[in-house]
Amino acid sequence: MRARIEDDVIFLHHEDLPEFKKGGSIVRNSYFWALKSIAGHASRYKDWEYESEVWLALQRMLMSFTESGYLGLKETMLEFPLDQGEIPAVLRPVATWQ
């Protein structure tokens, strides 16, 4: 998932976020609700925002869904732009550069 950090807030690109689908995959729908539940702002068609206070929870959630094997790395890894600067330590296990 494309991500960027501005003022200690992570923004996840809205086009990369999971979609809730009635009658859809239980794993993908659970992933949608889990990500939405800790977001500071999670509007449809807008980037979702995560304040630094929830970064550890975000890292643990992404790691858990990655380890489940039901979702691909492209769906559970944070991809930061090269000009972002250093990736915060708490996010390194679930992050890479674009």
PDB file of N, CA and C in Angstrom:
ATOM      1  N   MET A   1       0.843  -1.174   0.000  1.00  0.00           N
ATOM      2  CA  MET A   1       0.000   0.000   0.000  1.00  0.00           C
ATOM      3  C   MET A   1       0.887   1.234   0.000  1.00  0.00           C
ATOM      4  N   ARG A   2       0.605   2.116  -0.916  1.00  0.00           N
ATOM      5  CA  ARG A   2       1.359   3.361  -0.934  1.00  0.00           C
ATOM      6  C   ARG A   2       1.048   4.182   0.313  1.00  0.00           C
ATOM      7  N   ALA A   3       2.100   4.683   0.930  1.00  0.00           N
ATOM      8  CA  ALA A   3       1.958   5.432   2.173  1.00  0.00           C
ATOM      9  C   ALA A   3       2.904   6.626   2.158  1.00  0.00           C
ATOM     10  N   ARG A   4       2.557   7.613   2.954  1.00  0.00           N
ATOM     11  CA  ARG A   4       3.438   8.759   3.154  1.00  0.00           C
ATOM     12  C   ARG A   4       3.216   9.260   4.574  1.00  0.00           C
ATOM     13  N   ILE A   5       4.222   9.958   5.097  1.00  0.00           N
ATOM     14  CA  ILE A   5       4.116  10.525   6.436  1.00  0.00           C
ATOM     15  C   ILE A   5       4.199  12.039   6.328  1.00  0.00           C
ATOM     16  N   GLU A   6       3.247  12.702   6.953  1.00  0.00           N
ATOM     17  CA  GLU A   6       3.241  14.161   7.054  1.00  0.00           C
ATOM     18  C   GLU A   6       2.862  14.525   8.477  1.00  0.00           C
ATOM     19  N   ASP A   7       3.708  15.317   9.138  1.00  0.00           N
ATOM     20  CA  ASP A   7       3.423  15.781  10.509  1.00  0.00           C
ATOM     21  C   ASP A   7       3.038  14.639  11.443  1.00  0.00           C
ATOM     22  N   ASP A   8       3.814  13.559  11.437  1.00  0.00           N
ATOM     23  CA  ASP A   8       3.586  12.389  12.286  1.00  0.00           C
ATOM     24  C   ASP A   8       2.239  11.712  12.060  1.00  0.00           C
ATOM     25  N   VAL A   9       1.727  11.812  10.854  1.00  0.00           N
ATOM     26  CA  VAL A   9       0.507  11.111  10.459  1.00  0.00           C
ATOM     27  C   VAL A   9       0.823  10.310   9.202  1.00  0.00           C
ATOM     28  N   ILE A  10       0.470   9.027   9.219  1.00  0.00           N
ATOM     29  CA  ILE A  10       0.622   8.189   8.028  1.00  0.00           C
ATOM     30  C   ILE A  10      -0.652   8.309   7.215  1.00  0.00           C
ATOM     31  N   PHE A  11      -0.481   8.511   5.925  1.00  0.00           N
ATOM     32  CA  PHE A  11      -1.593   8.551   4.987  1.00  0.00           C
ATOM     33  C   PHE A  11      -1.464   7.330   4.076  1.00  0.00           C
ATOM     34  N   LEU A  12      -2.508   6.504   4.035  1.00  0.00           N
ATOM     35  CA  LEU A  12      -2.545   5.358   3.131  1.00  0.00           C
ATOM     36  C   LEU A  12      -3.362   5.747   1.911  1.00  0.00           C
ATOM     37  N   HIS A  13      -2.791   5.535   0.742  1.00  0.00           N
ATOM     38  CA  HIS A  13      -3.425   5.933  -0.513  1.00  0.00           C
ATOM     39  C   HIS A  13      -4.769   5.225  -0.674  1.00  0.00           C
ATOM     40  N   HIS A  14      -5.815   5.990  -0.915  1.00  0.00           N
ATOM     41  CA  HIS A  14      -7.166   5.430  -0.945  1.00  0.00           C
ATOM     42  C   HIS A  14      -7.366   4.351  -2.009  1.00  0.00           C
ATOM     43  N   GLU A  15      -6.625   4.410  -3.109  1.00  0.00           N
ATOM     44  CA  GLU A  15      -6.787   3.393  -4.156  1.00  0.00           C
ATOM     45  C   GLU A  15      -6.195   2.044  -3.748  1.00  0.00           C
ATOM     46  N   ASP A  16      -5.333   2.029  -2.732  1.00  0.00           N
ATOM     47  CA  ASP A  16      -4.680   0.798  -2.294  1.00  0.00           C
ATOM     48  C   ASP A  16      -5.371   0.148  -1.094  1.00  0.00           C
ATOM     49  N   LEU A  17      -6.343   0.809  -0.531  1.00  0.00           N
ATOM     50  CA  LEU A  17      -7.021   0.297   0.655  1.00  0.00           C
ATOM     51  C   LEU A  17      -7.966  -0.848   0.295  1.00  0.00           C
ATOM     52  N   PRO A  18      -8.166  -1.779   1.236  1.00  0.00           N
ATOM     53  CA  PRO A  18      -9.118  -2.863   0.962  1.00  0.00           C
ATOM     54  C   PRO A  18     -10.532  -2.293   0.869  1.00  0.00           C
ATOM     55  N   GLU A  19     -11.369  -2.967   0.124  1.00  0.00           N
ATOM     56  CA  GLU A  19     -12.765  -2.554  -0.002  1.00  0.00           C
ATOM     57  C   GLU A  19     -13.646  -3.515   0.777  1.00  0.00           C
ATOM     58  N   PHE A  20     -14.680  -2.972   1.397  1.00  0.00           N
ATOM     59  CA  PHE A  20     -15.681  -3.826   2.021  1.00  0.00           C
ATOM     60  C   PHE A  20     -16.661  -4.260   0.942  1.00  0.00           C
ATOM     61  N   LYS A  21     -16.901  -5.558   0.872  1.00  0.00           N
ATOM     62  CA  LYS A  21     -17.855  -6.085  -0.103  1.00  0.00           C
ATOM     63  C   LYS A  21     -18.831  -6.994   0.624  1.00  0.00           C
ATOM     64  N   LYS A  22     -20.092  -6.612   0.620  1.00  0.00           N
ATOM     65  CA  LYS A  22     -21.114  -7.439   1.245  1.00  0.00           C
ATOM     66  C   LYS A  22     -21.092  -8.817   0.593  1.00  0.00           C
ATOM     67  N   GLY A  23     -20.941  -9.833   1.389  1.00  0.00           N
ATOM     68  CA  GLY A  23     -20.855 -11.187   0.877  1.00  0.00           C
ATOM     69  C   GLY A  23     -19.481 -11.527   0.321  1.00  0.00           C
ATOM     70  N   GLY A  24     -18.521 -10.631   0.517  1.00  0.00           N
ATOM     71  CA  GLY A  24     -17.169 -10.847   0.014  1.00  0.00           C
ATOM     72  C   GLY A  24     -16.339 -11.700   0.960  1.00  0.00           C
ATOM     73  N   SER A  25     -15.066 -11.747   0.686  1.00  0.00           N
ATOM     74  CA  SER A  25     -14.122 -12.518   1.484  1.00  0.00           C
ATOM     75  C   SER A  25     -14.138 -12.066   2.946  1.00  0.00           C
ATOM     76  N   ILE A  26     -14.254 -13.029   3.835  1.00  0.00           N
ATOM     77  CA  ILE A  26     -14.259 -12.716   5.264  1.00  0.00           C
ATOM     78  C   ILE A  26     -12.929 -12.093   5.674  1.00  0.00           C
ATOM     79  N   VAL A  27     -11.819 -12.595   5.153  1.00  0.00           N
ATOM     80  CA  VAL A  27     -10.503 -12.064   5.502  1.00  0.00           C
ATOM     81  C   VAL A  27     -10.369 -10.624   5.029  1.00  0.00           C
ATOM     82  N   ARG A  28     -10.723 -10.364   3.766  1.00  0.00           N
ATOM     83  CA  ARG A  28     -10.598  -9.005   3.238  1.00  0.00           C
ATOM     84  C   ARG A  28     -11.540  -8.032   3.951  1.00  0.00           C
ATOM     85  N   ASN A  29     -12.742  -8.455   4.250  1.00  0.00           N
ATOM     86  CA  ASN A  29     -13.668  -7.590   4.980  1.00  0.00           C
ATOM     87  C   ASN A  29     -13.175  -7.341   6.406  1.00  0.00           C
ATOM     88  N   SER A  30     -12.624  -8.363   7.043  1.00  0.00           N
ATOM     89  CA  SER A  30     -12.051  -8.185   8.387  1.00  0.00           C
ATOM     90  C   SER A  30     -10.872  -7.228   8.338  1.00  0.00           C
ATOM     91  N   TYR A  31     -10.059  -7.355   7.320  1.00  0.00           N
ATOM     92  CA  TYR A  31      -8.904  -6.464   7.131  1.00  0.00           C
ATOM     93  C   TYR A  31      -9.379  -5.017   6.952  1.00  0.00           C
ATOM     94  N   PHE A  32     -10.411  -4.826   6.146  1.00  0.00           N
ATOM     95  CA  PHE A  32     -10.995  -3.495   5.957  1.00  0.00           C
ATOM     96  C   PHE A  32     -11.410  -2.895   7.296  1.00  0.00           C
ATOM     97  N   TRP A  33     -12.197  -3.644   8.080  1.00  0.00           N
ATOM     98  CA  TRP A  33     -12.709  -3.114   9.347  1.00  0.00           C
ATOM     99  C   TRP A  33     -11.600  -2.915  10.375  1.00  0.00           C
ATOM    100  N   ALA A  34     -10.606  -3.784  10.371  1.00  0.00           N
ATOM    101  CA  ALA A  34      -9.486  -3.628  11.306  1.00  0.00           C
ATOM    102  C   ALA A  34      -8.713  -2.348  10.998  1.00  0.00           C
ATOM    103  N   LEU A  35      -8.394  -2.114   9.729  1.00  0.00           N
ATOM    104  CA  LEU A  35      -7.687  -0.882   9.350  1.00  0.00           C
ATOM    105  C   LEU A  35      -8.527   0.356   9.638  1.00  0.00           C
ATOM    106  N   LYS A  36      -9.798   0.268   9.335  1.00  0.00           N
ATOM    107  CA  LYS A  36     -10.692   1.412   9.560  1.00  0.00           C
ATOM    108  C   LYS A  36     -10.835   1.726  11.046  1.00  0.00           C
ATOM    109  N   SER A  37     -10.834   0.693  11.879  1.00  0.00           N
ATOM    110  CA  SER A  37     -11.092   0.884  13.311  1.00  0.00           C
ATOM    111  C   SER A  37     -10.019   1.699  14.027  1.00  0.00           C
ATOM    112  N   ILE A  38      -8.788   1.687  13.536  1.00  0.00           N
ATOM    113  CA  ILE A  38      -7.742   2.458  14.215  1.00  0.00           C
ATOM    114  C   ILE A  38      -7.356   3.728  13.459  1.00  0.00           C
ATOM    115  N   ALA A  39      -8.014   3.978  12.330  1.00  0.00           N
ATOM    116  CA  ALA A  39      -7.720   5.182  11.547  1.00  0.00           C
ATOM    117  C   ALA A  39      -8.291   6.415  12.240  1.00  0.00           C
ATOM    118  N   GLY A  40      -7.535   7.497  12.177  1.00  0.00           N
ATOM    119  CA  GLY A  40      -8.042   8.771  12.691  1.00  0.00           C
ATOM    120  C   GLY A  40      -9.111   9.329  11.767  1.00  0.00           C
ATOM    121  N   HIS A  41      -8.879   9.192  10.475  1.00  0.00           N
ATOM    122  CA  HIS A  41      -9.843   9.591   9.443  1.00  0.00           C
ATOM    123  C   HIS A  41      -9.852   8.504   8.387  1.00  0.00           C
ATOM    124  N   ALA A  42     -11.046   8.037   8.025  1.00  0.00           N
ATOM    125  CA  ALA A  42     -11.172   6.968   7.038  1.00  0.00           C
ATOM    126  C   ALA A  42     -12.396   7.225   6.179  1.00  0.00           C
ATOM    127  N   SER A  43     -12.285   8.176   5.285  1.00  0.00           N
ATOM    128  CA  SER A  43     -13.394   8.531   4.402  1.00  0.00           C
ATOM    129  C   SER A  43     -13.281   7.796   3.071  1.00  0.00           C
ATOM    130  N   ARG A  44     -14.405   7.529   2.495  1.00  0.00           N
ATOM    131  CA  ARG A  44     -14.435   6.870   1.194  1.00  0.00           C
ATOM    132  C   ARG A  44     -13.835   7.803   0.143  1.00  0.00           C
ATOM    133  N   TYR A  45     -13.019   7.254  -0.722  1.00  0.00           N
ATOM    134  CA  TYR A  45     -12.355   7.982  -1.810  1.00  0.00           C
ATOM    135  C   TYR A  45     -11.319   8.997  -1.322  1.00  0.00           C
ATOM    136  N   LYS A  46     -10.887   8.880  -0.072  1.00  0.00           N
ATOM    137  CA  LYS A  46      -9.830   9.739   0.462  1.00  0.00           C
ATOM    138  C   LYS A  46      -8.809   8.868   1.172  1.00  0.00           C
ATOM    139  N   ASP A  47      -7.593   9.383   1.285  1.00  0.00           N
ATOM    140  CA  ASP A  47      -6.545   8.654   1.996  1.00  0.00           C
ATOM    141  C   ASP A  47      -6.934   8.511   3.466  1.00  0.00           C
ATOM    142  N   TRP A  48      -6.634   7.332   4.031  1.00  0.00           N
ATOM    143  CA  TRP A  48      -6.895   7.113   5.447  1.00  0.00           C
ATOM    144  C   TRP A  48      -5.700   7.584   6.254  1.00  0.00           C
ATOM    145  N   GLU A  49      -5.960   8.105   7.454  1.00  0.00           N
ATOM    146  CA  GLU A  49      -4.927   8.707   8.281  1.00  0.00           C
ATOM    147  C   GLU A  49      -4.744   7.948   9.594  1.00  0.00           C
ATOM    148  N   TYR A  50      -3.455   7.798   9.967  1.00  0.00           N
ATOM    149  CA  TYR A  50      -3.099   7.090  11.199  1.00  0.00           C
ATOM    150  C   TYR A  50      -2.100   7.935  11.984  1.00  0.00           C
ATOM    151  N   GLU A  51      -2.511   8.413  13.159  1.00  0.00           N
ATOM    152  CA  GLU A  51      -1.627   9.194  14.012  1.00  0.00           C
ATOM    153  C   GLU A  51      -0.563   8.293  14.631  1.00  0.00           C
ATOM    154  N   SER A  52       0.531   8.884  15.060  1.00  0.00           N
ATOM    155  CA  SER A  52       1.666   8.118  15.590  1.00  0.00           C
ATOM    156  C   SER A  52       1.281   7.253  16.797  1.00  0.00           C
ATOM    157  N   GLU A  53       0.242   7.620  17.515  1.00  0.00           N
ATOM    158  CA  GLU A  53      -0.182   6.836  18.680  1.00  0.00           C
ATOM    159  C   GLU A  53      -0.654   5.434  18.307  1.00  0.00           C
ATOM    160  N   VAL A  54      -1.053   5.219  17.066  1.00  0.00           N
ATOM    161  CA  VAL A  54      -1.562   3.898  16.674  1.00  0.00           C
ATOM    162  C   VAL A  54      -0.602   3.150  15.748  1.00  0.00           C
ATOM    163  N   TRP A  55       0.591   3.684  15.529  1.00  0.00           N
ATOM    164  CA  TRP A  55       1.528   3.037  14.613  1.00  0.00           C
ATOM    165  C   TRP A  55       1.901   1.628  15.053  1.00  0.00           C
ATOM    166  N   LEU A  56       2.081   1.407  16.350  1.00  0.00           N
ATOM    167  CA  LEU A  56       2.411   0.065  16.826  1.00  0.00           C
ATOM    168  C   LEU A  56       1.246  -0.890  16.533  1.00  0.00           C
ATOM    169  N   ALA A  57       0.019  -0.448  16.783  1.00  0.00           N
ATOM    170  CA  ALA A  57      -1.153  -1.277  16.477  1.00  0.00           C
ATOM    171  C   ALA A  57      -1.238  -1.546  14.976  1.00  0.00           C
ATOM    172  N   LEU A  58      -0.960  -0.535  14.155  1.00  0.00           N
ATOM    173  CA  LEU A  58      -0.969  -0.704  12.708  1.00  0.00           C
ATOM    174  C   LEU A  58       0.079  -1.729  12.282  1.00  0.00           C
ATOM    175  N   GLN A  59       1.270  -1.614  12.850  1.00  0.00           N
ATOM    176  CA  GLN A  59       2.344  -2.568  12.518  1.00  0.00           C
ATOM    177  C   GLN A  59       1.940  -3.987  12.895  1.00  0.00           C
ATOM    178  N   ARG A  60       1.386  -4.168  14.088  1.00  0.00           N
ATOM    179  CA  ARG A  60       0.986  -5.502  14.535  1.00  0.00           C
ATOM    180  C   ARG A  60      -0.133  -6.071  13.674  1.00  0.00           C
ATOM    181  N   MET A  61      -1.073  -5.221  13.294  1.00  0.00           N
ATOM    182  CA  MET A  61      -2.179  -5.663  12.459  1.00  0.00           C
ATOM    183  C   MET A  61      -1.678  -6.071  11.074  1.00  0.00           C
ATOM    184  N   LEU A  62      -0.828  -5.233  10.467  1.00  0.00           N
ATOM    185  CA  LEU A  62      -0.294  -5.572   9.148  1.00  0.00           C
ATOM    186  C   LEU A  62       0.523  -6.857   9.202  1.00  0.00           C
ATOM    187  N   MET A  63       1.325  -7.007  10.246  1.00  0.00           N
ATOM    188  CA  MET A  63       2.135  -8.218  10.403  1.00  0.00           C
ATOM    189  C   MET A  63       1.238  -9.453  10.559  1.00  0.00           C
ATOM    190  N   SER A  64       0.199  -9.330  11.329  1.00  0.00           N
ATOM    191  CA  SER A  64      -0.718 -10.446  11.550  1.00  0.00           C
ATOM    192  C   SER A  64      -1.399 -10.881  10.255  1.00  0.00           C
ATOM    193  N   PHE A  65      -1.886  -9.919   9.478  1.00  0.00           N
ATOM    194  CA  PHE A  65      -2.532 -10.267   8.221  1.00  0.00           C
ATOM    195  C   PHE A  65      -1.521 -10.795   7.206  1.00  0.00           C
ATOM    196  N   THR A  66      -0.287 -10.294   7.251  1.00  0.00           N
ATOM    197  CA  THR A  66       0.764 -10.808   6.369  1.00  0.00           C
ATOM    198  C   THR A  66       1.049 -12.265   6.696  1.00  0.00           C
ATOM    199  N   GLU A  67       1.220 -12.561   7.974  1.00  0.00           N
ATOM    200  CA  GLU A  67       1.556 -13.908   8.407  1.00  0.00           C
ATOM    201  C   GLU A  67       0.424 -14.904   8.186  1.00  0.00           C
ATOM    202  N   SER A  68      -0.809 -14.412   8.076  1.00  0.00           N
ATOM    203  CA  SER A  68      -1.935 -15.325   7.857  1.00  0.00           C
ATOM    204  C   SER A  68      -1.831 -16.036   6.508  1.00  0.00           C
ATOM    205  N   GLY A  69      -1.172 -15.373   5.547  1.00  0.00           N
ATOM    206  CA  GLY A  69      -1.014 -15.973   4.231  1.00  0.00           C
ATOM    207  C   GLY A  69      -2.200 -15.787   3.305  1.00  0.00           C
ATOM    208  N   TYR A  70      -3.265 -15.149   3.779  1.00  0.00           N
ATOM    209  CA  TYR A  70      -4.449 -14.958   2.945  1.00  0.00           C
ATOM    210  C   TYR A  70      -4.357 -13.716   2.062  1.00  0.00           C
ATOM    211  N   LEU A  71      -3.496 -12.778   2.425  1.00  0.00           N
ATOM    212  CA  LEU A  71      -3.344 -11.542   1.665  1.00  0.00           C
ATOM    213  C   LEU A  71      -1.913 -11.438   1.167  1.00  0.00           C
ATOM    214  N   GLY A  72      -1.738 -10.822   0.025  1.00  0.00           N
ATOM    215  CA  GLY A  72      -0.406 -10.668  -0.538  1.00  0.00           C
ATOM    216  C   GLY A  72       0.369  -9.530   0.108  1.00  0.00           C
ATOM    217  N   LEU A  73       1.681  -9.559  -0.077  1.00  0.00           N
ATOM    218  CA  LEU A  73       2.528  -8.502   0.489  1.00  0.00           C
ATOM    219  C   LEU A  73       2.147  -7.122  -0.036  1.00  0.00           C
ATOM    220  N   LYS A  74       1.727  -7.040  -1.277  1.00  0.00           N
ATOM    221  CA  LYS A  74       1.337  -5.754  -1.865  1.00  0.00           C
ATOM    222  C   LYS A  74       0.169  -5.146  -1.090  1.00  0.00           C
ATOM    223  N   GLU A  75      -0.638  -5.988  -0.467  1.00  0.00           N
ATOM    224  CA  GLU A  75      -1.805  -5.519   0.283  1.00  0.00           C
ATOM    225  C   GLU A  75      -1.479  -5.190   1.741  1.00  0.00           C
ATOM    226  N   THR A  76      -0.378  -5.733   2.253  1.00  0.00           N
ATOM    227  CA  THR A  76      -0.101  -5.582   3.684  1.00  0.00           C
ATOM    228  C   THR A  76       1.205  -4.850   3.988  1.00  0.00           C
ATOM    229  N   MET A  77       1.965  -4.489   2.968  1.00  0.00           N
ATOM    230  CA  MET A  77       3.214  -3.745   3.168  1.00  0.00           C
ATOM    231  C   MET A  77       2.994  -2.271   2.890  1.00  0.00           C
ATOM    232  N   LEU A  78       3.576  -1.430   3.715  1.00  0.00           N
ATOM    233  CA  LEU A  78       3.537   0.010   3.474  1.00  0.00           C
ATOM    234  C   LEU A  78       4.678   0.356   2.530  1.00  0.00           C
ATOM    235  N   GLU A  79       4.377   1.050   1.462  1.00  0.00           N
ATOM    236  CA  GLU A  79       5.384   1.434   0.478  1.00  0.00           C
ATOM    237  C   GLU A  79       5.553   2.952   0.512  1.00  0.00           C
ATOM    238  N   PHE A  80       6.695   3.385   1.026  1.00  0.00           N
ATOM    239  CA  PHE A  80       6.965   4.810   1.147  1.00  0.00           C
ATOM    240  C   PHE A  80       7.771   5.304  -0.048  1.00  0.00           C
ATOM    241  N   PRO A  81       7.552   6.553  -0.462  1.00  0.00           N
ATOM    242  CA  PRO A  81       8.363   7.112  -1.549  1.00  0.00           C
ATOM    243  C   PRO A  81       9.814   7.268  -1.089  1.00  0.00           C
ATOM    244  N   LEU A  82      10.741   7.194  -2.027  1.00  0.00           N
ATOM    245  CA  LEU A  82      12.169   7.292  -1.692  1.00  0.00           C
ATOM    246  C   LEU A  82      12.527   8.598  -1.006  1.00  0.00           C
ATOM    247  N   ASP A  83      11.829   9.666  -1.335  1.00  0.00           N
ATOM    248  CA  ASP A  83      12.155  10.968  -0.740  1.00  0.00           C
ATOM    249  C   ASP A  83      11.507  11.182   0.626  1.00  0.00           C
ATOM    250  N   GLN A  84      10.887  10.134   1.164  1.00  0.00           N
ATOM    251  CA  GLN A  84      10.185  10.244   2.450  1.00  0.00           C
ATOM    252  C   GLN A  84      11.144  10.478   3.613  1.00  0.00           C
ATOM    253  N   GLY A  85      12.368  10.030   3.475  1.00  0.00           N
ATOM    254  CA  GLY A  85      13.270  10.063   4.612  1.00  0.00           C
ATOM    255  C   GLY A  85      13.254   8.705   5.285  1.00  0.00           C
ATOM    256  N   GLU A  86      13.734   8.646   6.495  1.00  0.00           N
ATOM    257  CA  GLU A  86      13.828   7.372   7.209  1.00  0.00           C
ATOM    258  C   GLU A  86      12.449   6.854   7.603  1.00  0.00           C
ATOM    259  N   ILE A  87      12.263   5.560   7.447  1.00  0.00           N
ATOM    260  CA  ILE A  87      11.030   4.915   7.890  1.00  0.00           C
ATOM    261  C   ILE A  87      11.112   4.759   9.406  1.00  0.00           C
ATOM    262  N   PRO A  88      10.081   5.174  10.147  1.00  0.00           N
ATOM    263  CA  PRO A  88      10.099   5.022  11.606  1.00  0.00           C
ATOM    264  C   PRO A  88      10.348   3.572  12.017  1.00  0.00           C
ATOM    265  N   ALA A  89      11.133   3.385  13.050  1.00  0.00           N
ATOM    266  CA  ALA A  89      11.543   2.049  13.501  1.00  0.00           C
ATOM    267  C   ALA A  89      10.356   1.108  13.730  1.00  0.00           C
ATOM    268  N   VAL A  90       9.295   1.597  14.313  1.00  0.00           N
ATOM    269  CA  VAL A  90       8.155   0.743  14.619  1.00  0.00           C
ATOM    270  C   VAL A  90       7.495   0.188  13.349  1.00  0.00           C
ATOM    271  N   LEU A  91       7.675   0.855  12.232  1.00  0.00           N
ATOM    272  CA  LEU A  91       7.039   0.428  10.981  1.00  0.00           C
ATOM    273  C   LEU A  91       7.946  -0.388  10.073  1.00  0.00           C
ATOM    274  N   ARG A  92       9.228  -0.432  10.372  1.00  0.00           N
ATOM    275  CA  ARG A  92      10.177  -1.114   9.477  1.00  0.00           C
ATOM    276  C   ARG A  92       9.836  -2.568   9.173  1.00  0.00           C
ATOM    277  N   PRO A  93       9.285  -3.330  10.126  1.00  0.00           N
ATOM    278  CA  PRO A  93       8.965  -4.728   9.793  1.00  0.00           C
ATOM    279  C   PRO A  93       7.881  -4.873   8.718  1.00  0.00           C
ATOM    280  N   VAL A  94       7.099  -3.822   8.493  1.00  0.00           N
ATOM    281  CA  VAL A  94       5.995  -3.907   7.536  1.00  0.00           C
ATOM    282  C   VAL A  94       6.090  -2.836   6.446  1.00  0.00           C
ATOM    283  N   ALA A  95       7.285  -2.305   6.228  1.00  0.00           N
ATOM    284  CA  ALA A  95       7.433  -1.198   5.280  1.00  0.00           C
ATOM    285  C   ALA A  95       8.617  -1.413   4.354  1.00  0.00           C
ATOM    286  N   THR A  96       8.529  -0.741   3.208  1.00  0.00           N
ATOM    287  CA  THR A  96       9.589  -0.766   2.212  1.00  0.00           C
ATOM    288  C   THR A  96       9.537   0.551   1.454  1.00  0.00           C
ATOM    289  N   TRP A  97      10.448   0.674   0.488  1.00  0.00           N
ATOM    290  CA  TRP A  97      10.478   1.862  -0.387  1.00  0.00           C
ATOM    291  C   TRP A  97       9.774   1.518  -1.684  1.00  0.00           C
ATOM    292  N   GLN A  98       9.124   2.494  -2.302  1.00  0.00           N
ATOM    293  CA  GLN A  98       8.465   2.288  -3.609  1.00  0.00           C
ATOM    294  C   GLN A  98       9.523   2.155  -4.672  1.00  0.00           C
TER     295      GLN A  98
END
